[in-house]
């Protein structure tokens, strides 16, 4: 019994993708402002965004970059002197995905609590 996983369905990648697309289409109709920057896998499992986000930079790395952004935004110097364009773009994209994933989790919790 220990080697068998009960309650698991065995789908191939195509079936899994079709089910995910159907789920997203159904959920999109119920929720306003549906995420636009998350992949299908990230929409199905928004917590994966957090895992991926912290593989790119650790918490201290994000703190350092965001503190630099704040400092640069309040100063008269140009940001490119302290951060590379790729750092700025990567952090921005991760923050957008983070906001969308957290919004999606929040909406799903609301729906669950109404049921």
Protein backbone atom coordinates (compact mmCIF):
# COMPACT_ATOMS: atom_id res chain seq x y z
CA UNK A 1 0.00 0.00 0.00
CA UNK A 2 2.84 2.42 0.74
CA UNK A 3 3.99 2.41 -2.86
CA UNK A 4 0.57 3.20 -4.32
CA UNK A 5 -0.80 6.71 -4.36
CA UNK A 6 -4.53 6.62 -3.83
CA UNK A 7 -6.80 9.22 -5.35
CA UNK A 8 -4.39 10.15 -8.15
CA UNK A 9 -5.54 10.17 -11.75
CA UNK A 10 -3.11 9.37 -14.51
CA UNK A 11 -3.33 11.91 -17.34
CA UNK A 12 -0.97 12.40 -20.23
CA UNK A 13 0.37 15.91 -20.92
CA UNK A 14 -2.23 16.68 -23.60
CA UNK A 15 -5.15 15.68 -21.35
CA UNK A 16 -3.68 17.62 -18.46
CA UNK A 17 -3.28 20.70 -20.64
CA UNK A 18 -6.87 20.42 -21.94
CA UNK A 19 -8.24 20.10 -18.40
CA UNK A 20 -6.17 23.09 -17.24
CA UNK A 21 -7.37 25.22 -20.17
CA UNK A 22 -11.00 24.25 -19.46
CA UNK A 23 -10.56 25.12 -15.77
CA UNK A 24 -8.99 28.49 -16.60
CA UNK A 25 -11.73 29.31 -19.11
CA UNK A 26 -14.39 28.49 -16.51
CA UNK A 27 -12.66 30.42 -13.73
CA UNK A 28 -11.98 33.42 -15.99
CA UNK A 29 -15.74 33.84 -16.48
CA UNK A 30 -16.26 34.02 -12.70
CA UNK A 31 -13.43 36.37 -11.80
CA UNK A 32 -12.91 39.93 -12.91
CA UNK A 33 -9.38 41.14 -13.77
CA UNK A 34 -8.03 37.65 -14.45
CA UNK A 35 -4.20 37.32 -14.51
CA UNK A 36 -2.56 38.03 -17.86
CA UNK A 37 1.10 37.38 -17.06
CA UNK A 38 0.94 33.90 -15.53
CA UNK A 39 1.52 30.70 -17.48
CA UNK A 40 -1.12 27.94 -17.48
CA UNK A 41 0.86 26.02 -14.84
CA UNK A 42 1.18 29.14 -12.68
CA UNK A 43 -2.58 29.78 -12.87
CA UNK A 44 -3.35 26.19 -11.91
CA UNK A 45 -0.85 26.35 -9.05
CA UNK A 46 -0.12 30.01 -8.19
CA UNK A 47 2.09 29.04 -5.25
CA UNK A 48 4.66 27.90 -7.82
CA UNK A 49 5.28 31.59 -8.58
CA UNK A 50 6.73 32.03 -5.09
CA UNK A 51 8.98 29.01 -5.47
CA UNK A 52 10.30 30.23 -8.84
CA UNK A 53 10.65 33.80 -7.63
CA UNK A 54 13.01 32.84 -4.83
CA UNK A 55 15.08 30.62 -7.09
CA UNK A 56 16.06 33.75 -9.03
CA UNK A 57 16.98 35.88 -6.01
CA UNK A 58 16.90 35.22 -2.28
CA UNK A 59 14.98 37.58 -0.02
CA UNK A 60 18.10 39.67 0.67
CA UNK A 61 18.64 40.03 -3.08
CA UNK A 62 15.14 41.42 -3.60
CA UNK A 63 15.54 43.74 -0.60
CA UNK A 64 18.80 45.07 -2.01
CA UNK A 65 17.34 45.67 -5.48
CA UNK A 66 14.15 47.29 -4.13
CA UNK A 67 16.16 49.51 -1.77
CA UNK A 68 18.29 50.56 -4.74
CA UNK A 69 15.11 51.32 -6.73
CA UNK A 70 13.81 53.45 -3.87
CA UNK A 71 17.12 55.28 -3.49
CA UNK A 72 17.39 55.88 -7.24
CA UNK A 73 13.76 57.01 -7.50
CA UNK A 74 14.38 59.64 -4.82
CA UNK A 75 17.73 60.83 -6.20
CA UNK A 76 18.62 62.80 -9.31
CA UNK A 77 21.10 60.22 -10.66
CA UNK A 78 20.26 57.63 -13.29
CA UNK A 79 19.46 54.06 -12.14
CA UNK A 80 21.60 52.35 -14.78
CA UNK A 81 24.67 53.26 -12.77
CA UNK A 82 23.72 50.87 -9.96
CA UNK A 83 21.49 48.18 -11.53
CA UNK A 84 21.63 46.37 -14.84
CA UNK A 85 18.61 46.45 -17.14
CA UNK A 86 18.19 42.69 -16.77
CA UNK A 87 18.01 43.01 -12.96
CA UNK A 88 15.33 45.68 -13.22
CA UNK A 89 13.29 43.77 -15.81
CA UNK A 90 13.59 40.42 -13.98
CA UNK A 91 12.51 41.87 -10.64
CA UNK A 92 9.66 43.83 -12.27
CA UNK A 93 8.35 40.71 -14.06
CA UNK A 94 8.56 38.65 -10.88
CA UNK A 95 6.69 41.31 -8.90
CA UNK A 96 3.91 41.44 -11.51
CA UNK A 97 3.58 37.65 -11.38
CA UNK A 98 3.67 37.73 -7.58
CA UNK A 99 0.82 40.26 -7.42
CA UNK A 100 -1.27 38.25 -9.90
CA UNK A 101 -0.62 34.94 -8.12
CA UNK A 102 -1.47 36.39 -4.70
CA UNK A 103 -4.64 38.00 -6.10
CA UNK A 104 -5.67 34.66 -7.63
CA UNK A 105 -5.06 32.82 -4.35
CA UNK A 106 -7.06 35.47 -2.50
CA UNK A 107 -9.99 35.19 -4.94
CA UNK A 108 -10.00 31.40 -4.70
CA UNK A 109 -10.07 31.60 -0.91
CA UNK A 110 -13.06 33.95 -1.10
CA UNK A 111 -14.91 31.56 -3.42
CA UNK A 112 -14.09 28.58 -1.18
CA UNK A 113 -15.35 30.34 1.94
CA UNK A 114 -18.68 31.12 0.22
CA UNK A 115 -19.21 27.46 -0.62
